[in-house]
């Protein structure tokens, strides 16, 4: 008999099993011109990035968190 392989739990599969609090339901569309897209393509080739959606999410969320941290009210 052959052994069945266990599936590795990734955040996406763990989310499906544990609930849908982190499920991505909302779509946003970004348009790029040819030059911008060329820069993105070069960057992804240079750093072997296959998942551009994850790259864009990471960049956008980290920028937002940085801005929130910089604009956080300070008492002194």
PDB file of N, CA and C in Angstrom:
ATOM      1  N   UNK A   1       0.831  -1.183   0.000  1.00  0.00           N
ATOM      2  CA  UNK A   1       0.000   0.000   0.000  1.00  0.00           C
ATOM      3  C   UNK A   1       0.874   1.245   0.000  1.00  0.00           C
ATOM      4  N   UNK A   2       0.416   2.238  -0.650  1.00  0.00           N
ATOM      5  CA  UNK A   2       1.187   3.474  -0.703  1.00  0.00           C
ATOM      6  C   UNK A   2       0.800   4.380   0.461  1.00  0.00           C
ATOM      7  N   UNK A   3       1.765   5.105   0.889  1.00  0.00           N
ATOM      8  CA  UNK A   3       1.519   6.072   1.962  1.00  0.00           C
ATOM      9  C   UNK A   3       0.861   7.315   1.402  1.00  0.00           C
ATOM     10  N   UNK A   4      -0.057   7.859   2.133  1.00  0.00           N
ATOM     11  CA  UNK A   4      -0.657   9.113   1.685  1.00  0.00           C
ATOM     12  C   UNK A   4       0.143  10.256   2.279  1.00  0.00           C
ATOM     13  N   UNK A   5       0.382  11.246   1.479  1.00  0.00           N
ATOM     14  CA  UNK A   5       1.153  12.402   1.933  1.00  0.00           C
ATOM     15  C   UNK A   5       0.254  13.333   2.717  1.00  0.00           C
ATOM     16  N   UNK A   6       0.783  13.838   3.811  1.00  0.00           N
ATOM     17  CA  UNK A   6       0.031  14.830   4.582  1.00  0.00           C
ATOM     18  C   UNK A   6       0.197  16.183   3.922  1.00  0.00           C
ATOM     19  N   UNK A   7      -0.887  16.898   3.842  1.00  0.00           N
ATOM     20  CA  UNK A   7      -0.812  18.236   3.265  1.00  0.00           C
ATOM     21  C   UNK A   7      -0.222  19.188   4.284  1.00  0.00           C
ATOM     22  N   UNK A   8       0.655  20.026   3.799  1.00  0.00           N
ATOM     23  CA  UNK A   8       1.274  21.040   4.647  1.00  0.00           C
ATOM     24  C   UNK A   8       0.260  22.156   4.882  1.00  0.00           C
ATOM     25  N   UNK A   9       0.098  22.563   6.128  1.00  0.00           N
ATOM     26  CA  UNK A   9      -0.844  23.636   6.437  1.00  0.00           C
ATOM     27  C   UNK A   9      -0.194  24.983   6.144  1.00  0.00           C
ATOM     28  N   UNK A  10      -0.745  25.672   5.208  1.00  0.00           N
ATOM     29  CA  UNK A  10      -0.317  27.032   4.913  1.00  0.00           C
ATOM     30  C   UNK A  10      -1.356  27.952   5.539  1.00  0.00           C
ATOM     31  N   UNK A  11      -1.086  29.239   5.645  1.00  0.00           N
ATOM     32  CA  UNK A  11      -2.100  30.140   6.204  1.00  0.00           C
ATOM     33  C   UNK A  11      -3.442  30.036   5.477  1.00  0.00           C
ATOM     34  N   UNK A  12      -3.408  29.808   4.179  1.00  0.00           N
ATOM     35  CA  UNK A  12      -4.658  29.723   3.417  1.00  0.00           C
ATOM     36  C   UNK A  12      -5.426  28.459   3.781  1.00  0.00           C
ATOM     37  N   UNK A  13      -4.741  27.308   3.866  1.00  0.00           N
ATOM     38  CA  UNK A  13      -5.445  26.070   4.198  1.00  0.00           C
ATOM     39  C   UNK A  13      -5.830  26.034   5.663  1.00  0.00           C
ATOM     40  N   UNK A  14      -5.000  26.581   6.527  1.00  0.00           N
ATOM     41  CA  UNK A  14      -5.342  26.631   7.948  1.00  0.00           C
ATOM     42  C   UNK A  14      -6.580  27.497   8.144  1.00  0.00           C
ATOM     43  N   UNK A  15      -6.696  28.566   7.347  1.00  0.00           N
ATOM     44  CA  UNK A  15      -7.855  29.449   7.441  1.00  0.00           C
ATOM     45  C   UNK A  15      -9.129  28.710   7.045  1.00  0.00           C
ATOM     46  N   UNK A  16      -9.071  27.890   6.015  1.00  0.00           N
ATOM     47  CA  UNK A  16     -10.242  27.143   5.576  1.00  0.00           C
ATOM     48  C   UNK A  16     -10.694  26.156   6.637  1.00  0.00           C
ATOM     49  N   UNK A  17      -9.745  25.597   7.358  1.00  0.00           N
ATOM     50  CA  UNK A  17     -10.094  24.609   8.372  1.00  0.00           C
ATOM     51  C   UNK A  17     -10.526  25.261   9.669  1.00  0.00           C
ATOM     52  N   UNK A  18      -9.949  26.417  10.026  1.00  0.00           N
ATOM     53  CA  UNK A  18     -10.204  27.007  11.322  1.00  0.00           C
ATOM     54  C   UNK A  18     -11.254  28.099  11.338  1.00  0.00           C
ATOM     55  N   UNK A  19     -11.730  28.527  10.233  1.00  0.00           N
ATOM     56  CA  UNK A  19     -12.697  29.609  10.191  1.00  0.00           C
ATOM     57  C   UNK A  19     -12.366  30.532   9.040  1.00  0.00           C
ATOM     58  N   UNK A  20     -13.161  31.556   8.866  1.00  0.00           N
ATOM     59  CA  UNK A  20     -12.881  32.425   7.727  1.00  0.00           C
ATOM     60  C   UNK A  20     -12.630  33.865   8.150  1.00  0.00           C
ATOM     61  N   UNK A  21     -12.016  34.063   9.308  1.00  0.00           N
ATOM     62  CA  UNK A  21     -11.719  35.414   9.760  1.00  0.00           C
ATOM     63  C   UNK A  21     -10.690  36.089   8.855  1.00  0.00           C
ATOM     64  N   UNK A  22      -9.762  35.298   8.292  1.00  0.00           N
ATOM     65  CA  UNK A  22      -8.722  35.871   7.441  1.00  0.00           C
ATOM     66  C   UNK A  22      -8.966  35.632   5.952  1.00  0.00           C
ATOM     67  N   UNK A  23     -10.123  35.131   5.604  1.00  0.00           N
ATOM     68  CA  UNK A  23     -10.415  34.870   4.201  1.00  0.00           C
ATOM     69  C   UNK A  23     -10.458  36.178   3.424  1.00  0.00           C
ATOM     70  N   UNK A  24      -9.831  36.179   2.266  1.00  0.00           N
ATOM     71  CA  UNK A  24      -9.806  37.380   1.432  1.00  0.00           C
ATOM     72  C   UNK A  24     -11.050  37.395   0.558  1.00  0.00           C
ATOM     73  N   UNK A  25     -11.947  38.314   0.844  1.00  0.00           N
ATOM     74  CA  UNK A  25     -13.219  38.398   0.121  1.00  0.00           C
ATOM     75  C   UNK A  25     -13.321  39.655  -0.745  1.00  0.00           C
ATOM     76  N   UNK A  26     -12.455  40.589  -0.519  1.00  0.00           N
ATOM     77  CA  UNK A  26     -12.589  41.886  -1.176  1.00  0.00           C
ATOM     78  C   UNK A  26     -11.494  42.064  -2.215  1.00  0.00           C
ATOM     79  N   UNK A  27     -11.893  42.469  -3.393  1.00  0.00           N
ATOM     80  CA  UNK A  27     -10.967  42.622  -4.500  1.00  0.00           C
ATOM     81  C   UNK A  27     -10.710  44.106  -4.757  1.00  0.00           C
ATOM     82  N   UNK A  28      -9.459  44.454  -4.968  1.00  0.00           N
ATOM     83  CA  UNK A  28      -9.064  45.790  -5.389  1.00  0.00           C
ATOM     84  C   UNK A  28      -8.239  45.644  -6.659  1.00  0.00           C
ATOM     85  N   UNK A  29      -8.395  46.544  -7.568  1.00  0.00           N
ATOM     86  CA  UNK A  29      -7.703  46.473  -8.845  1.00  0.00           C
ATOM     87  C   UNK A  29      -6.734  47.636  -8.946  1.00  0.00           C
ATOM     88  N   UNK A  30      -5.519  47.327  -9.389  1.00  0.00           N
ATOM     89  CA  UNK A  30      -4.489  48.354  -9.576  1.00  0.00           C
ATOM     90  C   UNK A  30      -4.095  48.341 -11.047  1.00  0.00           C
ATOM     91  N   UNK A  31      -4.036  49.499 -11.640  1.00  0.00           N
ATOM     92  CA  UNK A  31      -3.599  49.615 -13.027  1.00  0.00           C
ATOM     93  C   UNK A  31      -2.200  50.224 -13.064  1.00  0.00           C
ATOM     94  N   UNK A  32      -1.342  49.663 -13.921  1.00  0.00           N
ATOM     95  CA  UNK A  32       0.026  50.157 -14.086  1.00  0.00           C
ATOM     96  C   UNK A  32       0.236  50.559 -15.534  1.00  0.00           C
ATOM     97  N   UNK A  33       1.119  51.528 -15.740  1.00  0.00           N
ATOM     98  CA  UNK A  33       1.501  51.831 -17.111  1.00  0.00           C
ATOM     99  C   UNK A  33       2.643  50.884 -17.507  1.00  0.00           C
ATOM    100  N   UNK A  34       3.093  50.958 -18.745  1.00  0.00           N
ATOM    101  CA  UNK A  34       4.101  50.016 -19.245  1.00  0.00           C
ATOM    102  C   UNK A  34       5.416  50.111 -18.475  1.00  0.00           C
ATOM    103  N   UNK A  35       5.841  51.312 -18.138  1.00  0.00           N
ATOM    104  CA  UNK A  35       7.105  51.499 -17.433  1.00  0.00           C
ATOM    105  C   UNK A  35       7.042  50.912 -16.020  1.00  0.00           C
ATOM    106  N   UNK A  36       5.948  51.161 -15.327  1.00  0.00           N
ATOM    107  CA  UNK A  36       5.779  50.622 -13.973  1.00  0.00           C
ATOM    108  C   UNK A  36       5.756  49.100 -14.000  1.00  0.00           C
ATOM    109  N   UNK A  37       5.024  48.545 -14.956  1.00  0.00           N
ATOM    110  CA  UNK A  37       4.943  47.096 -15.070  1.00  0.00           C
ATOM    111  C   UNK A  37       6.300  46.488 -15.409  1.00  0.00           C
ATOM    112  N   UNK A  38       7.053  47.183 -16.210  1.00  0.00           N
ATOM    113  CA  UNK A  38       8.402  46.727 -16.548  1.00  0.00           C
ATOM    114  C   UNK A  38       9.286  46.682 -15.307  1.00  0.00           C
ATOM    115  N   UNK A  39       9.209  47.709 -14.457  1.00  0.00           N
ATOM    116  CA  UNK A  39       9.976  47.717 -13.207  1.00  0.00           C
ATOM    117  C   UNK A  39       9.566  46.552 -12.300  1.00  0.00           C
ATOM    118  N   UNK A  40       8.274  46.318 -12.220  1.00  0.00           N
ATOM    119  CA  UNK A  40       7.772  45.220 -11.386  1.00  0.00           C
ATOM    120  C   UNK A  40       8.263  43.880 -11.921  1.00  0.00           C
ATOM    121  N   UNK A  41       8.197  43.693 -13.237  1.00  0.00           N
ATOM    122  CA  UNK A  41       8.665  42.446 -13.848  1.00  0.00           C
ATOM    123  C   UNK A  41      10.151  42.220 -13.582  1.00  0.00           C
ATOM    124  N   UNK A  42      10.952  43.269 -13.736  1.00  0.00           N
ATOM    125  CA  UNK A  42      12.392  43.155 -13.479  1.00  0.00           C
ATOM    126  C   UNK A  42      12.662  42.792 -12.024  1.00  0.00           C
ATOM    127  N   UNK A  43      11.959  43.426 -11.117  1.00  0.00           N
ATOM    128  CA  UNK A  43      12.131  43.151  -9.686  1.00  0.00           C
ATOM    129  C   UNK A  43      11.776  41.703  -9.369  1.00  0.00           C
ATOM    130  N   UNK A  44      10.660  41.229  -9.896  1.00  0.00           N
ATOM    131  CA  UNK A  44      10.213  39.858  -9.632  1.00  0.00           C
ATOM    132  C   UNK A  44      11.178  38.837 -10.228  1.00  0.00           C
ATOM    133  N   UNK A  45      11.713  39.113 -11.397  1.00  0.00           N
ATOM    134  CA  UNK A  45      12.711  38.204 -11.987  1.00  0.00           C
ATOM    135  C   UNK A  45      13.993  38.187 -11.164  1.00  0.00           C
ATOM    136  N   UNK A  46      14.448  39.362 -10.757  1.00  0.00           N
ATOM    137  CA  UNK A  46      15.712  39.477 -10.011  1.00  0.00           C
ATOM    138  C   UNK A  46      15.643  38.741  -8.681  1.00  0.00           C
ATOM    139  N   UNK A  47      14.527  38.843  -7.979  1.00  0.00           N
ATOM    140  CA  UNK A  47      14.391  38.248  -6.653  1.00  0.00           C
ATOM    141  C   UNK A  47      13.540  36.973  -6.654  1.00  0.00           C
ATOM    142  N   UNK A  48      13.290  36.407  -7.821  1.00  0.00           N
ATOM    143  CA  UNK A  48      12.548  35.145  -7.977  1.00  0.00           C
ATOM    144  C   UNK A  48      11.227  35.146  -7.216  1.00  0.00           C
ATOM    145  N   UNK A  49      10.447  36.172  -7.464  1.00  0.00           N
ATOM    146  CA  UNK A  49       9.135  36.298  -6.819  1.00  0.00           C
ATOM    147  C   UNK A  49       8.088  35.757  -7.772  1.00  0.00           C
ATOM    148  N   UNK A  50       7.376  34.742  -7.328  1.00  0.00           N
ATOM    149  CA  UNK A  50       6.357  34.132  -8.164  1.00  0.00           C
ATOM    150  C   UNK A  50       4.958  34.611  -7.835  1.00  0.00           C
ATOM    151  N   UNK A  51       4.735  35.002  -6.595  1.00  0.00           N
ATOM    152  CA  UNK A  51       3.404  35.406  -6.157  1.00  0.00           C
ATOM    153  C   UNK A  51       3.365  36.926  -6.005  1.00  0.00           C
ATOM    154  N   UNK A  52       2.928  37.594  -7.042  1.00  0.00           N
ATOM    155  CA  UNK A  52       2.908  39.057  -7.019  1.00  0.00           C
ATOM    156  C   UNK A  52       1.826  39.605  -6.102  1.00  0.00           C
ATOM    157  N   UNK A  53       0.738  38.884  -5.966  1.00  0.00           N
ATOM    158  CA  UNK A  53      -0.333  39.336  -5.075  1.00  0.00           C
ATOM    159  C   UNK A  53       0.176  39.448  -3.651  1.00  0.00           C
ATOM    160  N   UNK A  54       0.912  38.440  -3.198  1.00  0.00           N
ATOM    161  CA  UNK A  54       1.477  38.468  -1.850  1.00  0.00           C
ATOM    162  C   UNK A  54       2.485  39.606  -1.719  1.00  0.00           C
ATOM    163  N   UNK A  55       3.265  39.841  -2.769  1.00  0.00           N
ATOM    164  CA  UNK A  55       4.235  40.946  -2.765  1.00  0.00           C
ATOM    165  C   UNK A  55       3.523  42.284  -2.599  1.00  0.00           C
ATOM    166  N   UNK A  56       2.479  42.512  -3.392  1.00  0.00           N
ATOM    167  CA  UNK A  56       1.753  43.777  -3.316  1.00  0.00           C
ATOM    168  C   UNK A  56       1.074  43.947  -1.959  1.00  0.00           C
ATOM    169  N   UNK A  57       0.456  42.872  -1.456  1.00  0.00           N
ATOM    170  CA  UNK A  57      -0.176  42.950  -0.130  1.00  0.00           C
ATOM    171  C   UNK A  57       0.851  43.301   0.937  1.00  0.00           C
ATOM    172  N   UNK A  58       1.992  42.628   0.891  1.00  0.00           N
ATOM    173  CA  UNK A  58       3.042  42.867   1.880  1.00  0.00           C
ATOM    174  C   UNK A  58       3.534  44.314   1.833  1.00  0.00           C
ATOM    175  N   UNK A  59       3.787  44.812   0.650  1.00  0.00           N
ATOM    176  CA  UNK A  59       4.282  46.186   0.491  1.00  0.00           C
ATOM    177  C   UNK A  59       3.236  47.196   0.960  1.00  0.00           C
ATOM    178  N   UNK A  60       2.000  47.010   0.551  1.00  0.00           N
ATOM    179  CA  UNK A  60       0.937  47.962   0.906  1.00  0.00           C
ATOM    180  C   UNK A  60       0.687  47.973   2.405  1.00  0.00           C
ATOM    181  N   UNK A  61       0.535  46.800   3.007  1.00  0.00           N
ATOM    182  CA  UNK A  61       0.239  46.732   4.442  1.00  0.00           C
ATOM    183  C   UNK A  61       1.416  47.251   5.262  1.00  0.00           C
ATOM    184  N   UNK A  62       2.655  46.913   4.881  1.00  0.00           N
ATOM    185  CA  UNK A  62       3.807  47.416   5.647  1.00  0.00           C
ATOM    186  C   UNK A  62       3.909  48.935   5.551  1.00  0.00           C
ATOM    187  N   UNK A  63       3.583  49.499   4.390  1.00  0.00           N
ATOM    188  CA  UNK A  63       3.609  50.957   4.247  1.00  0.00           C
ATOM    189  C   UNK A  63       2.534  51.608   5.121  1.00  0.00           C
ATOM    190  N   UNK A  64       1.354  51.028   5.130  1.00  0.00           N
ATOM    191  CA  UNK A  64       0.262  51.571   5.948  1.00  0.00           C
ATOM    192  C   UNK A  64       0.631  51.508   7.426  1.00  0.00           C
ATOM    193  N   UNK A  65       1.165  50.372   7.873  1.00  0.00           N
ATOM    194  CA  UNK A  65       1.551  50.236   9.281  1.00  0.00           C
ATOM    195  C   UNK A  65       2.658  51.213   9.664  1.00  0.00           C
ATOM    196  N   UNK A  66       3.584  51.448   8.749  1.00  0.00           N
ATOM    197  CA  UNK A  66       4.650  52.424   8.992  1.00  0.00           C
ATOM    198  C   UNK A  66       4.084  53.830   9.138  1.00  0.00           C
ATOM    199  N   UNK A  67       3.135  54.186   8.279  1.00  0.00           N
ATOM    200  CA  UNK A  67       2.506  55.506   8.357  1.00  0.00           C
ATOM    201  C   UNK A  67       1.718  55.663   9.652  1.00  0.00           C
ATOM    202  N   UNK A  68       1.010  54.636  10.061  1.00  0.00           N
ATOM    203  CA  UNK A  68       0.262  54.682  11.316  1.00  0.00           C
ATOM    204  C   UNK A  68       1.206  54.876  12.486  1.00  0.00           C
ATOM    205  N   UNK A  69       2.322  54.159  12.458  1.00  0.00           N
ATOM    206  CA  UNK A  69       3.301  54.267  13.541  1.00  0.00           C
ATOM    207  C   UNK A  69       3.924  55.674  13.579  1.00  0.00           C
ATOM    208  N   UNK A  70       4.227  56.228  12.407  1.00  0.00           N
ATOM    209  CA  UNK A  70       4.831  57.569  12.347  1.00  0.00           C
ATOM    210  C   UNK A  70       3.857  58.653  12.800  1.00  0.00           C
ATOM    211  N   UNK A  71       2.577  58.458  12.555  1.00  0.00           N
ATOM    212  CA  UNK A  71       1.568  59.478  12.893  1.00  0.00           C
ATOM    213  C   UNK A  71       0.877  59.218  14.224  1.00  0.00           C
ATOM    214  N   UNK A  72       1.387  58.278  14.980  1.00  0.00           N
ATOM    215  CA  UNK A  72       0.797  57.950  16.280  1.00  0.00           C
ATOM    216  C   UNK A  72       0.989  59.119  17.232  1.00  0.00           C
ATOM    217  N   UNK A  73      -0.045  59.560  17.944  1.00  0.00           N
ATOM    218  CA  UNK A  73       0.100  60.723  18.833  1.00  0.00           C
ATOM    219  C   UNK A  73       1.117  60.453  19.951  1.00  0.00           C
ATOM    220  N   UNK A  74       1.978  61.404  20.168  1.00  0.00           N
ATOM    221  CA  UNK A  74       3.004  61.288  21.202  1.00  0.00           C
ATOM    222  C   UNK A  74       2.709  62.290  22.302  1.00  0.00           C
ATOM    223  N   UNK A  75       2.883  61.875  23.534  1.00  0.00           N
ATOM    224  CA  UNK A  75       2.599  62.762  24.653  1.00  0.00           C
ATOM    225  C   UNK A  75       3.738  63.716  24.941  1.00  0.00           C
ATOM    226  N   UNK A  76       4.971  63.279  24.745  1.00  0.00           N
ATOM    227  CA  UNK A  76       6.116  64.146  25.090  1.00  0.00           C
ATOM    228  C   UNK A  76       7.053  64.308  23.935  1.00  0.00           C
TER     229      UNK A  76
END
